[in-house]
N, C-alpha and C. Protein backbone atom coordinates (compact mmCIF):
# COMPACT_ATOMS: atom_id res chain seq x y z
N MET A 1 0.49 -0.89 -0.10
CA MET A 1 0.08 0.31 0.20
C MET A 1 0.80 1.39 0.02
N ALA A 2 2.35 1.78 0.79
CA ALA A 2 2.78 2.93 0.93
C ALA A 2 3.31 2.77 -0.60
N ARG A 3 3.99 2.01 -0.91
CA ARG A 3 4.12 1.64 -2.52
C ARG A 3 3.56 2.52 -3.73
N ALA A 4 2.27 1.63 -3.62
CA ALA A 4 1.32 2.87 -4.84
C ALA A 4 1.10 4.20 -4.04
N LEU A 5 0.96 4.40 -2.57
CA LEU A 5 0.88 5.88 -2.28
C LEU A 5 1.48 6.38 -2.69
N ALA A 6 3.16 6.39 -2.39
CA ALA A 6 4.24 6.87 -3.19
C ALA A 6 4.22 7.11 -4.93
N ARG A 7 4.35 6.21 -5.07
CA ARG A 7 4.10 5.96 -6.61
C ARG A 7 3.36 6.85 -7.04
N VAL A 8 1.61 6.87 -7.10
CA VAL A 8 0.46 7.53 -7.44
C VAL A 8 0.13 8.70 -6.76
N LEU A 9 0.90 8.75 -6.31
CA LEU A 9 0.18 9.90 -4.84
C LEU A 9 1.02 11.02 -4.83
N GLY A 10 2.01 10.32 -5.26
CA GLY A 10 3.59 11.11 -4.67
C GLY A 10 3.85 11.74 -2.77
N TRP A 11 2.93 10.53 -2.63
CA TRP A 11 3.05 10.70 -1.11
C TRP A 11 4.58 10.60 -0.52
N ASN A 12 5.04 11.38 0.89
CA ASN A 12 6.64 10.71 1.57
C ASN A 12 5.64 9.88 2.23
N LEU A 13 7.06 9.01 2.31
CA LEU A 13 6.91 7.90 3.61
C LEU A 13 8.19 7.59 4.12
N VAL A 14 7.79 7.67 5.47
CA VAL A 14 9.29 7.87 6.48
C VAL A 14 9.05 6.82 7.46
N ALA A 15 9.95 6.30 7.71
CA ALA A 15 10.34 5.05 8.57
C ALA A 15 9.42 5.03 10.36
N ALA A 16 8.68 5.98 10.43
CA ALA A 16 8.30 5.96 11.59
C ALA A 16 7.58 7.41 11.58
N PRO A 17 5.60 6.68 11.83
CA PRO A 17 4.99 8.06 11.77
C PRO A 17 5.16 9.47 12.35
N THR A 18 5.31 10.95 11.81
CA THR A 18 5.82 11.95 11.86
C THR A 18 4.40 12.59 11.79
N ALA A 19 4.02 13.76 12.19
CA ALA A 19 3.38 14.94 11.86
C ALA A 19 3.99 15.93 11.08
N SER A 20 5.41 16.30 11.44
CA SER A 20 5.52 17.63 11.12
C SER A 20 5.86 17.46 9.57
N GLY A 21 5.54 18.58 9.47
CA GLY A 21 5.47 19.25 8.37
C GLY A 21 4.40 18.29 7.10
N ALA A 22 3.55 17.97 7.86
CA ALA A 22 2.23 17.06 7.20
C ALA A 22 0.88 17.84 7.03
N ASP A 23 0.33 17.68 6.38
CA ASP A 23 -1.44 18.48 6.13
C ASP A 23 -2.21 17.39 6.99
N VAL A 24 -1.82 15.61 6.85
CA VAL A 24 -2.67 14.70 7.06
C VAL A 24 -1.93 12.99 7.65
N LEU A 25 -2.05 12.54 8.91
CA LEU A 25 -1.18 11.77 9.05
C LEU A 25 -1.70 10.58 8.42
N TYR A 26 -0.86 9.42 7.26
CA TYR A 26 -1.55 8.01 7.07
C TYR A 26 -0.88 6.93 8.36
N LEU A 27 -1.80 6.36 8.94
CA LEU A 27 -0.25 5.01 9.73
C LEU A 27 -0.90 4.12 8.55
N LEU A 28 -0.24 3.56 8.16
CA LEU A 28 -0.17 2.01 7.18
C LEU A 28 -1.09 1.25 7.49
N ALA A 29 -0.70 0.68 9.36
CA ALA A 29 -1.55 -0.34 9.89
C ALA A 29 -1.70 0.60 11.64
N TYR A 30 -3.23 -0.01 11.66
CA TYR A 30 -3.30 0.63 12.94
C TYR A 30 -2.14 0.83 14.16
N PHE A 31 -1.49 -0.59 14.20
CA PHE A 31 -1.13 -0.32 15.24
C PHE A 31 0.62 0.65 15.48
N GLU A 32 0.53 0.94 14.39
CA GLU A 32 1.49 1.99 14.17
C GLU A 32 1.74 3.16 15.41
N ALA A 33 0.11 3.30 15.52
CA ALA A 33 0.09 4.23 17.00
C ALA A 33 0.41 4.73 18.10
N GLN A 34 1.08 3.06 18.01
CA GLN A 34 2.39 2.89 19.30
C GLN A 34 3.61 4.02 19.56
N LYS A 35 3.92 4.27 17.95
CA LYS A 35 5.48 4.88 17.94
C LYS A 35 5.13 6.27 17.55
N LEU A 36 3.69 7.24 17.53
CA LEU A 36 3.47 8.30 17.87
C LEU A 36 3.99 8.81 19.31
N LYS A 37 5.39 9.94 19.63
CA LYS A 37 5.50 10.21 21.18
C LYS A 37 3.97 10.80 21.44
N SER A 38 3.27 11.69 20.76
CA SER A 38 1.90 12.42 21.25
C SER A 38 0.98 12.58 20.13
N TRP A 39 -0.43 12.59 20.48
CA TRP A 39 -1.12 12.24 19.23
C TRP A 39 -1.62 13.76 18.44
N PRO A 40 -1.21 13.58 17.30
CA PRO A 40 -1.20 15.09 16.19
C PRO A 40 -2.04 16.28 16.95
N ARG A 41 -2.12 16.68 16.51
CA ARG A 41 -3.16 17.66 15.68
C ARG A 41 -3.62 18.00 14.39
N ILE A 42 -3.22 17.28 13.49
CA ILE A 42 -3.31 17.35 12.44
C ILE A 42 -4.79 16.03 12.36
N PRO A 43 -5.53 16.18 11.18
CA PRO A 43 -6.25 14.98 10.50
C PRO A 43 -5.54 13.14 10.60
N VAL A 44 -5.85 12.24 11.37
CA VAL A 44 -5.20 10.89 11.13
C VAL A 44 -6.52 9.65 10.58
N ALA A 45 -5.93 9.33 9.64
CA ALA A 45 -6.69 8.12 8.74
C ALA A 45 -5.49 7.07 9.25
N ALA A 46 -6.24 5.46 9.31
CA ALA A 46 -5.41 4.36 9.57
C ALA A 46 -5.66 3.45 8.50
N TYR A 47 -4.87 2.48 8.42
CA TYR A 47 -5.77 1.39 8.11
C TYR A 47 -5.46 -0.11 9.06
N PHE A 48 -6.84 -0.54 9.45
CA PHE A 48 -7.12 -1.65 10.01
C PHE A 48 -7.39 -3.00 9.13
N THR A 49 -6.15 -3.74 9.40
CA THR A 49 -6.49 -5.14 8.66
C THR A 49 -7.94 -6.15 9.41
N HIS A 50 -7.37 -6.80 10.05
CA HIS A 50 -8.66 -7.05 11.26
C HIS A 50 -8.09 -7.04 12.57
N ARG A 51 -9.76 -7.75 14.19
CA ARG A 51 -9.37 -7.15 14.91
C ARG A 51 -8.57 -8.37 15.63
N GLU A 52 -8.29 -8.66 16.60
CA GLU A 52 -7.81 -9.84 16.87
C GLU A 52 -9.26 -10.48 18.35
N GLU A 53 -10.04 -11.57 17.63
CA GLU A 53 -10.78 -11.78 19.09
C GLU A 53 -10.35 -13.05 20.22
N GLN A 54 -9.22 -13.72 19.63
CA GLN A 54 -8.72 -14.11 20.95
C GLN A 54 -7.30 -14.11 21.24
N PRO A 55 -7.27 -13.64 22.52
CA PRO A 55 -8.51 -14.49 23.36
C PRO A 55 -9.29 -12.96 23.60
N PRO A 56 -10.46 -13.08 24.54
CA PRO A 56 -11.35 -12.13 24.60
C PRO A 56 -10.15 -10.95 25.25
N ASN A 57 -10.80 -9.22 25.28
CA ASN A 57 -10.11 -8.55 25.40
C ASN A 57 -8.27 -8.37 25.65
N ASN A 58 -7.73 -8.66 24.73
CA ASN A 58 -6.80 -9.13 24.21
C ASN A 58 -6.07 -7.31 24.17
N ALA A 59 -4.92 -7.28 24.16
CA ALA A 59 -3.87 -6.03 24.04
C ALA A 59 -3.93 -5.48 22.66
N LYS A 60 -3.65 -5.81 22.06
CA LYS A 60 -4.15 -5.63 20.13
C LYS A 60 -5.61 -5.57 19.98
N ALA A 61 -6.42 -6.17 20.58
CA ALA A 61 -7.61 -5.98 20.21
C ALA A 61 -8.21 -4.33 21.37
N ARG A 62 -7.56 -4.36 22.23
CA ARG A 62 -7.81 -3.06 22.48
C ARG A 62 -7.25 -2.00 22.35
N LEU A 63 -5.64 -2.29 21.39
CA LEU A 63 -5.22 -0.81 20.29
C LEU A 63 -6.04 -0.44 19.58
N TYR A 64 -6.76 -1.75 18.86
CA TYR A 64 -7.43 -1.88 17.85
C TYR A 64 -9.07 -0.79 17.93
N ASP A 65 -9.50 -0.80 18.87
CA ASP A 65 -10.55 -0.06 19.34
C ASP A 65 -10.24 0.96 19.74
N LYS A 66 -9.25 1.17 20.79
CA LYS A 66 -8.60 2.73 20.97
C LYS A 66 -8.00 3.90 20.11
N VAL A 67 -7.73 2.82 18.74
CA VAL A 67 -7.05 3.57 17.50
C VAL A 67 -8.66 4.02 16.99
N ALA A 68 -9.31 3.59 16.52
CA ALA A 68 -10.48 3.17 15.95
C ALA A 68 -11.07 4.48 16.56
N LYS A 69 -11.52 4.99 17.66
CA LYS A 69 -11.73 5.90 18.53
C LYS A 69 -10.92 6.85 18.47
N GLN A 70 -9.89 6.54 17.96
CA GLN A 70 -9.06 8.47 17.73
C GLN A 70 -8.79 8.93 17.20
N VAL A 71 -8.84 8.37 15.29
CA VAL A 71 -8.54 8.42 14.27
C VAL A 71 -9.87 9.18 13.86
N GLN A 72 -9.30 9.71 12.39
CA GLN A 72 -10.74 10.61 11.52
C GLN A 72 -11.11 10.31 10.10
N LEU A 73 -10.32 9.24 10.69
CA LEU A 73 -10.60 8.29 8.71
C LEU A 73 -10.09 6.96 9.71
N ARG A 74 -11.05 5.78 9.18
CA ARG A 74 -11.43 4.16 9.71
C ARG A 74 -10.73 3.82 8.08
N ILE A 75 -9.85 3.06 7.66
CA ILE A 75 -9.91 2.40 6.70
C ILE A 75 -9.77 0.61 6.22
N ALA A 76 -9.92 0.26 5.96
CA ALA A 76 -10.19 -1.13 5.66
C ALA A 76 -10.22 -1.69 4.14
N THR A 77 -10.34 -3.05 3.92
CA THR A 77 -10.60 -3.86 2.36
C THR A 77 -10.99 -4.63 2.54
N CYS A 78 -11.49 -5.34 4.04
CA CYS A 78 -12.03 -6.16 4.31
C CYS A 78 -14.47 -5.47 4.21
N ARG A 79 -14.92 -5.98 3.99
CA ARG A 79 -16.65 -5.22 4.47
C ARG A 79 -16.77 -5.55 5.67
N MET A 80 -16.18 -6.47 6.14
CA MET A 80 -16.69 -6.95 8.21
C MET A 80 -16.00 -6.00 8.69
N TYR A 81 -15.06 -5.49 8.97
CA TYR A 81 -14.30 -4.57 9.18
C TYR A 81 -14.64 -2.99 9.13
N ALA A 82 -14.74 -2.95 7.91
CA ALA A 82 -15.58 -1.36 7.61
C ALA A 82 -16.75 -1.40 7.92
N GLU A 83 -17.81 -2.02 8.06
CA GLU A 83 -18.86 -2.46 8.77
C GLU A 83 -19.04 -1.72 10.24
N ALA A 84 -17.82 -2.38 10.70
CA ALA A 84 -17.94 -2.29 12.27
C ALA A 84 -17.04 -1.07 12.71
N LEU A 85 -16.50 -1.13 11.91
CA LEU A 85 -15.41 0.54 11.90
C LEU A 85 -15.95 1.57 12.01
N SER A 86 -16.91 1.32 11.20
CA SER A 86 -18.25 2.70 10.95
C SER A 86 -18.68 3.58 12.40
N GLN A 87 -18.96 2.63 13.13
CA GLN A 87 -19.32 3.13 14.42
C GLN A 87 -18.49 4.40 14.67
N TYR A 88 -17.38 3.89 14.79
CA TYR A 88 -16.27 5.24 15.50
C TYR A 88 -16.35 6.45 14.90
N GLY A 89 -17.13 6.21 13.50
CA GLY A 89 -17.06 7.40 12.24
C GLY A 89 -16.93 7.14 10.76
N PRO A 90 -16.64 8.10 10.22
CA PRO A 90 -16.63 8.13 9.05
C PRO A 90 -15.32 6.88 8.75
N THR A 91 -15.78 5.90 7.30
CA THR A 91 -14.70 4.72 7.31
C THR A 91 -14.78 4.52 5.84
N VAL A 92 -13.83 4.47 5.54
CA VAL A 92 -13.95 3.56 3.86
C VAL A 92 -13.50 2.19 3.81
N GLN A 93 -14.16 1.63 2.82
CA GLN A 93 -13.46 0.46 2.20
C GLN A 93 -12.88 0.20 1.20
N VAL A 94 -12.04 0.16 0.73
CA VAL A 94 -10.76 0.29 -0.19
C VAL A 94 -10.12 -1.23 -1.10
N ALA A 95 -10.09 -1.62 -2.34
CA ALA A 95 -9.73 -2.77 -2.57
C ALA A 95 -8.29 -2.26 -2.82
N PRO A 96 -7.68 -3.32 -2.00
CA PRO A 96 -6.39 -3.54 -1.74
C PRO A 96 -5.27 -3.53 -3.17
N PRO A 97 -4.17 -2.91 -3.24
CA PRO A 97 -3.04 -2.88 -4.44
C PRO A 97 -3.10 -3.78 -4.53
N LEU A 98 -2.50 -4.71 -5.82
CA LEU A 98 -2.31 -5.75 -6.07
C LEU A 98 -1.21 -5.11 -7.27
N GLU A 99 0.35 -5.73 -6.65
CA GLU A 99 1.49 -4.91 -7.94
C GLU A 99 1.70 -6.28 -8.75
N ARG A 100 0.90 -5.95 -9.60
CA ARG A 100 0.50 -6.93 -11.28
C ARG A 100 2.67 -7.48 -11.15
N ASP A 101 2.93 -6.90 -11.35
CA ASP A 101 4.32 -6.50 -12.29
C ASP A 101 5.82 -7.36 -11.07
N ARG A 102 4.81 -7.80 -9.74
CA ARG A 102 5.70 -8.37 -8.78
C ARG A 102 4.81 -9.74 -8.63
N PHE A 103 4.03 -10.04 -8.93
CA PHE A 103 3.19 -11.33 -8.44
C PHE A 103 2.04 -11.55 -9.79
N VAL A 104 2.87 -12.56 -10.30
CA VAL A 104 2.29 -12.73 -12.19
C VAL A 104 1.75 -14.58 -11.52
N ILE A 105 0.12 -14.92 -12.10
CA ILE A 105 0.38 -15.76 -11.98
C ILE A 105 1.04 -16.97 -12.74
N ALA A 106 1.15 -18.08 -12.51
CA ALA A 106 2.66 -19.03 -13.48
C ALA A 106 1.36 -19.65 -15.08
N LYS A 107 2.47 -19.51 -15.85
CA LYS A 107 1.48 -19.65 -17.37
C LYS A 107 1.10 -21.62 -16.96
N ARG A 108 1.29 -22.09 -16.49
CA ARG A 108 1.96 -23.38 -16.25
C ARG A 108 0.26 -24.23 -15.31
N LYS A 109 -0.99 -25.15 -15.52
CA LYS A 109 -1.50 -25.74 -14.30
C LYS A 109 -0.59 -25.87 -13.28
N PRO A 110 -1.38 -25.76 -12.06
CA PRO A 110 -0.90 -26.08 -10.95
C PRO A 110 -0.63 -27.46 -10.63
N SER A 111 0.40 -28.07 -9.96
CA SER A 111 0.26 -29.61 -9.76
C SER A 111 -0.27 -30.23 -8.43
N ARG A 112 -0.74 -28.75 -7.81
CA ARG A 112 -1.54 -29.09 -6.69
C ARG A 112 -2.10 -27.94 -5.83
N GLU A 113 -2.82 -28.12 -5.24
CA GLU A 113 -3.70 -26.98 -4.78
C GLU A 113 -3.28 -25.74 -4.27
N LEU A 114 -3.41 -24.84 -5.17
CA LEU A 114 -2.49 -23.75 -4.43
C LEU A 114 -3.34 -22.85 -3.25
N VAL A 115 -1.93 -22.74 -2.69
CA VAL A 115 -1.87 -21.78 -1.44
C VAL A 115 -1.44 -20.80 -1.15
N VAL A 116 -2.43 -19.42 -0.30
CA VAL A 116 -2.09 -18.97 -0.28
C VAL A 116 -1.57 -18.18 1.33
N GLY A 117 -0.52 -17.23 1.21
CA GLY A 117 -0.52 -16.95 2.91
C GLY A 117 -0.31 -14.95 2.81
N LEU A 118 -0.77 -15.13 3.85
CA LEU A 118 -1.36 -12.99 4.30
C LEU A 118 -0.82 -12.86 5.38
N SER A 119 -0.40 -12.31 5.50
CA SER A 119 0.71 -11.34 7.12
C SER A 119 0.14 -9.93 6.86
N GLY A 120 -0.49 -9.71 8.08
CA GLY A 120 -1.15 -9.00 8.15
C GLY A 120 -2.73 -8.00 8.14
C-alpha cells in the first residue's frame, strides 16, 4: 500500500509516523499509533486489517478499538471490518493494491492445490 501511495499520489514515506510538516498523517497499520510520541494535531487516518478476537479483551484488540476511536478516518479492505469500524466515525472500504509486475500467475497448470499466505 505504501509504495502505491508514493508512486501514484507522490506521498512521502517515513520509517516512523511523524506529523512534522504534514497536512494529514496516514498510519499504514493502526498499530503504528504506538510509535507516536504524542497524538498529532492534524487529521489522522489509519488502515485496519483485522481485529484479534482471541483471547477475549487482549491487548491488540484494545489497541484496535482505541485507535479506531482516535482517528478521523478508518480504512479497511474487508467489508466486515469496515462495517464494524463505521460505528467510530467516517470509514471507507478500499480494494488493496496489487503489484501485478511482482505477482504473476504462472502459465502452467498447478501440480497441487494452490495455497496462499497473508500476513497483516
